[in-house]
Protein backbone atom coordinates (compact mmCIF):
# COMPACT_ATOMS: atom_id res chain seq x y z
CA MET A 1 -190.50 -119.39 6.99
CA ALA A 2 -188.57 -117.57 4.24
CA ARG A 3 -185.61 -119.88 4.84
CA SER A 4 -187.84 -122.93 4.51
CA SER A 5 -189.29 -121.60 1.24
CA ALA A 6 -185.81 -120.90 -0.16
CA LEU A 7 -184.71 -124.42 0.77
CA ALA A 8 -187.72 -126.00 -0.94
CA ALA A 9 -187.24 -123.85 -4.05
CA ARG A 10 -183.56 -124.73 -4.27
CA GLN A 11 -184.19 -128.44 -3.92
CA GLU A 12 -186.92 -128.26 -6.54
CA ARG A 13 -184.44 -126.51 -8.83
CA ILE A 14 -181.92 -129.33 -8.29
CA LEU A 15 -184.53 -131.87 -9.35
CA GLU A 16 -185.39 -129.79 -12.44
CA ILE A 17 -181.71 -129.63 -13.41
CA LEU A 18 -181.30 -133.39 -13.04
CA GLN A 19 -184.50 -134.03 -14.96
CA SER A 20 -183.11 -131.96 -17.83
CA LYS A 21 -179.50 -133.14 -17.79
CA GLY A 22 -179.66 -136.62 -16.30
CA ALA A 23 -176.75 -136.06 -13.91
CA CYS A 24 -174.57 -133.28 -12.49
CA THR A 25 -171.50 -132.99 -10.31
CA TYR A 26 -171.60 -131.06 -7.05
CA ALA A 27 -169.45 -128.38 -8.67
CA GLU A 28 -171.91 -127.97 -11.55
CA LEU A 29 -174.87 -127.65 -9.19
CA GLN A 30 -172.94 -125.16 -7.07
CA ALA A 31 -172.21 -123.01 -10.13
CA ILE A 32 -175.83 -123.00 -11.29
CA LEU A 33 -177.37 -122.34 -7.88
CA GLY A 34 -174.77 -119.85 -6.64
CA VAL A 35 -174.47 -121.48 -3.20
CA SER A 36 -171.68 -123.16 -1.27
CA SER A 37 -170.52 -126.71 -1.84
CA MET A 38 -171.74 -127.73 1.62
CA THR A 39 -175.21 -126.36 0.90
CA VAL A 40 -175.43 -128.36 -2.32
CA ARG A 41 -174.25 -131.53 -0.58
CA ARG A 42 -176.80 -131.11 2.23
CA ASP A 43 -179.59 -130.59 -0.29
CA VAL A 44 -178.53 -133.67 -2.27
CA ASP A 45 -178.38 -135.73 0.95
CA ARG A 46 -181.92 -134.69 1.89
CA LEU A 47 -183.28 -135.39 -1.57
CA ALA A 48 -181.53 -138.78 -1.61
CA GLU A 49 -183.19 -139.67 1.70
CA ARG A 50 -186.54 -139.01 0.03
CA GLU A 51 -185.41 -141.12 -2.96
CA ALA A 52 -185.99 -138.06 -5.15
CA LEU A 53 -182.54 -138.49 -6.72
CA ILE A 54 -179.60 -140.90 -6.72
CA LYS A 55 -176.26 -139.86 -5.22
CA THR A 56 -173.14 -140.59 -7.26
CA LEU A 57 -169.46 -140.39 -6.39
CA ARG A 58 -169.12 -136.72 -7.34
CA GLY A 59 -172.71 -135.51 -7.50
CA ALA A 60 -176.20 -136.78 -8.25
CA GLN A 61 -178.33 -138.17 -11.03
CA ALA A 62 -182.02 -138.33 -11.78
CA ALA A 63 -183.94 -140.97 -9.85
CA GLN A 64 -185.47 -142.46 -12.99
CA VAL A 65 -182.12 -143.70 -14.34
CA PRO A 66 -182.63 -147.43 -15.04
CA GLN A 67 -181.21 -149.72 -12.39
CA PHE A 68 -179.36 -151.84 -14.96
CA LEU A 69 -177.43 -148.74 -16.00
CA LEU A 70 -176.14 -148.34 -12.45
CA GLU A 71 -174.70 -151.85 -12.57
CA THR A 72 -172.46 -151.27 -15.59
CA SER A 73 -169.25 -149.34 -16.10
CA LEU A 74 -171.44 -146.62 -17.62
CA SER A 75 -172.39 -145.65 -14.07
CA SER A 76 -168.89 -144.27 -13.49
CA ARG A 77 -169.12 -142.14 -16.65
CA ILE A 78 -172.72 -141.00 -16.73
CA GLY A 79 -172.08 -137.84 -14.68
CA VAL A 80 -168.57 -137.03 -15.94
CA ASN A 81 -168.46 -133.84 -18.04
CA GLN A 82 -172.23 -134.10 -18.23
CA ALA A 83 -172.82 -130.46 -19.12
CA GLU A 84 -170.44 -130.73 -22.07
CA LYS A 85 -172.04 -133.99 -23.24
CA GLU A 86 -175.51 -132.47 -23.10
CA ALA A 87 -174.36 -129.46 -25.11
CA ILE A 88 -172.70 -131.72 -27.69
CA ALA A 89 -175.86 -133.83 -27.97
CA THR A 90 -177.96 -130.70 -28.51
CA ARG A 91 -175.76 -129.62 -31.42
CA ALA A 92 -175.67 -133.16 -32.83
CA VAL A 93 -179.45 -133.51 -33.04
CA SER A 94 -179.59 -130.41 -35.24
CA LEU A 95 -177.74 -132.38 -37.96
CA ILE A 96 -180.51 -134.95 -38.30
CA GLU A 97 -182.90 -134.80 -41.25
CA PRO A 98 -186.17 -136.72 -41.75
CA GLN A 99 -186.29 -140.16 -43.35
CA ARG A 100 -182.64 -140.93 -42.63
CA THR A 101 -180.97 -144.01 -41.18
CA LEU A 102 -178.71 -143.30 -38.22
CA PHE A 103 -176.26 -145.32 -36.15
CA LEU A 104 -175.61 -144.58 -32.47
CA ASP A 105 -173.01 -146.34 -30.35
CA GLY A 106 -173.51 -147.06 -26.64
CA SER A 107 -171.56 -144.07 -25.28
CA THR A 108 -172.97 -141.78 -22.60
CA THR A 109 -172.90 -138.89 -25.09
CA CYS A 110 -174.99 -140.90 -27.54
CA ILE A 111 -177.41 -141.75 -24.73
CA ALA A 112 -177.91 -138.00 -24.26
CA LEU A 113 -178.41 -137.69 -28.02
CA ALA A 114 -180.90 -140.58 -28.04
CA ARG A 115 -183.16 -138.74 -25.58
CA ARG A 116 -183.29 -135.80 -27.99
CA ILE A 117 -183.85 -138.00 -31.03
CA ALA A 118 -186.87 -139.59 -29.33
CA LYS A 119 -188.54 -136.15 -29.25
CA LEU A 120 -188.07 -135.38 -32.95
CA PRO A 121 -191.38 -134.96 -34.80
CA PHE A 122 -190.38 -136.84 -37.96
CA SER A 123 -189.66 -140.44 -38.95
CA LEU A 124 -186.22 -142.02 -38.79
CA SER A 125 -184.54 -145.40 -38.60
CA VAL A 126 -181.96 -145.88 -35.86
CA VAL A 127 -179.50 -148.78 -35.89
CA THR A 128 -177.66 -149.42 -32.64
CA ASN A 129 -175.88 -152.13 -30.69
CA SER A 130 -176.79 -150.44 -27.40
CA ALA A 131 -179.59 -151.90 -25.29
CA ILE A 132 -180.00 -148.57 -23.48
CA ILE A 133 -180.35 -146.52 -26.64
CA ALA A 134 -182.82 -149.02 -28.08
CA MET A 135 -185.01 -148.48 -25.02
CA GLU A 136 -184.51 -144.70 -24.93
CA ILE A 137 -185.77 -144.33 -28.50
CA GLY A 138 -187.98 -147.40 -28.75
CA ALA A 139 -191.06 -145.75 -27.27
CA ALA A 140 -191.10 -143.07 -30.00
CA SER A 141 -193.70 -144.30 -32.50
CA GLN A 142 -192.27 -142.27 -35.39
CA ILE A 143 -188.83 -143.91 -35.13
CA ARG A 144 -187.94 -147.45 -36.17
CA VAL A 145 -185.24 -148.93 -33.95
CA ILE A 146 -183.05 -151.78 -35.17
CA CYS A 147 -180.86 -153.40 -32.52
CA VAL A 148 -178.19 -155.57 -34.13
CA GLY A 149 -178.19 -158.22 -31.41
CA GLY A 150 -175.36 -160.58 -30.55
CA GLU A 151 -173.50 -161.33 -27.33
CA TYR A 152 -174.45 -158.96 -24.49
CA ASP A 153 -171.54 -157.05 -22.95
CA ALA A 154 -172.59 -155.97 -19.46
CA GLN A 155 -169.86 -153.35 -19.09
CA SER A 156 -171.07 -151.33 -22.07
CA ALA A 157 -174.71 -152.50 -22.00
CA SER A 158 -174.24 -153.25 -25.71
CA PHE A 159 -174.35 -156.22 -28.07
CA VAL A 160 -170.98 -157.28 -29.46
CA GLY A 161 -169.21 -160.20 -31.11
CA SER A 162 -169.35 -161.85 -34.52
CA LEU A 163 -173.16 -161.99 -34.75
CA ALA A 164 -173.52 -158.26 -33.96
CA GLU A 165 -170.77 -157.45 -36.46
CA THR A 166 -172.37 -159.55 -39.20
CA ASN A 167 -175.79 -158.02 -38.58
CA CYS A 168 -174.38 -154.49 -38.56
CA ALA A 169 -172.70 -155.03 -41.93
CA HIS A 170 -176.11 -155.38 -43.61
CA PHE A 171 -177.06 -151.71 -43.14
CA TYR A 172 -176.16 -148.57 -45.03
CA ILE A 173 -176.04 -145.68 -42.58
CA ASP A 174 -176.68 -142.08 -43.63
CA THR A 175 -175.14 -140.59 -40.48
CA ALA A 176 -173.26 -142.41 -37.72
CA PHE A 177 -172.78 -140.83 -34.30
CA VAL A 178 -170.02 -142.30 -32.13
CA SER A 179 -167.93 -141.23 -29.18
CA THR A 180 -164.53 -142.41 -27.96
CA LYS A 181 -162.29 -142.82 -24.95
CA ALA A 182 -159.41 -140.85 -26.50
CA PHE A 183 -158.84 -138.83 -29.66
CA VAL A 184 -155.72 -137.46 -31.33
CA PRO A 185 -156.57 -135.00 -34.12
CA GLY A 186 -154.78 -135.97 -37.30
CA ASP A 187 -154.37 -139.53 -36.02
CA GLY A 188 -157.65 -141.05 -34.85
CA THR A 189 -159.76 -142.45 -32.01
CA TYR A 190 -158.70 -144.95 -29.36
CA GLU A 191 -160.51 -147.33 -26.99
CA SER A 192 -159.45 -149.44 -24.01
CA SER A 193 -162.24 -152.00 -24.44
CA MET A 194 -161.91 -154.28 -27.44
CA ALA A 195 -165.50 -155.52 -27.23
CA THR A 196 -167.21 -152.72 -29.15
CA LEU A 197 -164.52 -151.30 -31.43
CA ARG A 198 -165.18 -153.63 -34.40
CA ILE A 199 -168.76 -152.38 -34.67
CA LYS A 200 -167.49 -148.81 -35.11
CA GLN A 201 -164.96 -149.91 -37.71
CA ILE A 202 -167.66 -151.71 -39.71
CA VAL A 203 -170.04 -148.75 -39.54
CA THR A 204 -167.44 -146.25 -40.69
CA LYS A 205 -166.94 -148.21 -43.92
CA GLN A 206 -170.60 -148.00 -44.87
CA CYS A 207 -171.86 -144.63 -43.68
CA GLY A 208 -172.30 -141.43 -45.60
CA ARG A 209 -171.22 -139.24 -42.69
CA MET A 210 -169.26 -140.16 -39.58
CA VAL A 211 -169.81 -137.75 -36.69
CA LEU A 212 -167.52 -137.94 -33.66
CA LEU A 213 -168.99 -136.66 -30.39
CA ALA A 214 -166.08 -136.02 -28.03
CA ASP A 215 -165.81 -133.61 -25.14
CA SER A 216 -162.49 -131.79 -24.80
CA SER A 217 -161.19 -134.12 -22.07
CA LYS A 218 -160.81 -136.84 -24.74
CA PHE A 219 -158.33 -134.85 -26.84
CA GLY A 220 -154.60 -135.46 -27.00
CA SER A 221 -154.42 -138.92 -25.44
CA ARG A 222 -154.36 -142.53 -26.65
CA ALA A 223 -155.69 -145.79 -25.24
CA LEU A 224 -155.04 -149.48 -25.88
CA CYS A 225 -156.45 -149.85 -29.40
CA LYS A 226 -156.75 -147.49 -32.33
CA VAL A 227 -160.26 -147.66 -33.73
CA LEU A 228 -160.98 -145.01 -36.38
CA ASP A 229 -158.50 -143.21 -38.57
CA ALA A 230 -158.89 -139.44 -38.39
CA ARG A 231 -159.57 -139.20 -42.12
CA SER A 232 -162.65 -141.41 -41.81
CA ILE A 233 -164.31 -138.80 -39.56
CA HIS A 234 -166.28 -136.13 -41.39
CA THR A 235 -167.59 -134.03 -38.50
CA VAL A 236 -166.40 -133.46 -34.92
CA ILE A 237 -168.65 -131.94 -32.27
CA THR A 238 -166.83 -131.01 -29.08
CA ASP A 239 -167.02 -128.27 -26.44
CA GLU A 240 -165.40 -124.87 -26.03
CA GLY A 241 -162.57 -126.35 -23.97
CA CYS A 242 -161.09 -127.98 -27.08
CA PRO A 243 -157.51 -126.73 -27.69
CA ARG A 244 -157.19 -124.24 -30.54
CA GLU A 245 -154.41 -126.23 -32.19
CA ALA A 246 -156.64 -129.32 -32.23
CA VAL A 247 -159.38 -127.37 -34.00
CA GLU A 248 -156.87 -126.12 -36.58
CA THR A 249 -155.58 -129.64 -37.20
CA MET A 250 -159.07 -131.04 -37.73
CA ARG A 251 -160.09 -128.26 -40.08
CA SER A 252 -156.88 -128.70 -42.07
CA LEU A 253 -158.10 -132.24 -42.82
CA GLY A 254 -161.36 -130.87 -44.14
CA GLN A 255 -163.35 -131.92 -41.07
CA GLU A 256 -166.32 -129.83 -39.99
CA VAL A 257 -165.73 -128.80 -36.36
CA THR A 258 -168.46 -127.50 -34.04
CA LEU A 259 -167.74 -126.14 -30.55
CA ALA A 260 -170.80 -126.54 -28.34
CA ARG A 261 -171.33 -124.20 -25.42
CA SER A 262 -172.80 -125.83 -22.34
CA THR A 263 -175.80 -124.37 -20.53
CA LEU A 264 -173.85 -124.60 -17.29
CA SER A 265 -171.12 -122.41 -18.75
CA ALA A 266 -173.70 -119.90 -19.87
CA GLU A 267 -175.47 -119.84 -16.49
CA GLY A 268 -172.22 -119.76 -14.55
């Protein structure tokens, strides 16, 4: 009987974690729960059979994740470094002041930020080219959401192309939040997909503050296309795994650097 109660409590805890974070790897769940990898995998299998969660390649995600999200390339990234992304999003939302106009790109880190923005008690305007972010924030009555429209890119679940770029150029943004595939401090950000990079370049020319949200795995590498020059970035929010020399380089450029500590790190 005690074993059955412990099993039910542990599985309920897994669902609570996923409800809070959206997704976790098996390793993250193991660290939080203090049990073996096999125990976590068995629990996830049982919960998946009940359709209480959705299994992913390396872990699990909350069952309420929209089906269209699972059909895009975002599905392969939604659970990667999730604890770090959630911590970064928590620090990012603290920068937001009432009555401001924000821009959010369609990154998984900005999706985590969007969920927090939707709970803010004051009015804002949010400009985005992401269909997911528009829906995440759209139900919040105190926030006006402006989706720039254009050609729909299924891989990023975002609107791109000349129409989206033209529409985006009409707005002055107080604070822009973007992420990236790769980042070299002192150089800039890089992307492999060319579809969405022009939007970020347009926004950076007409925003008061550009905030880069990048977990430490993004540092020190390049991808196909350079997108933002390092000097156009005012603030960088990353996690505690960021190399010390990278932090020193960013601060030498006058960039504000915040190292977010993940809840999983604290609980582990």
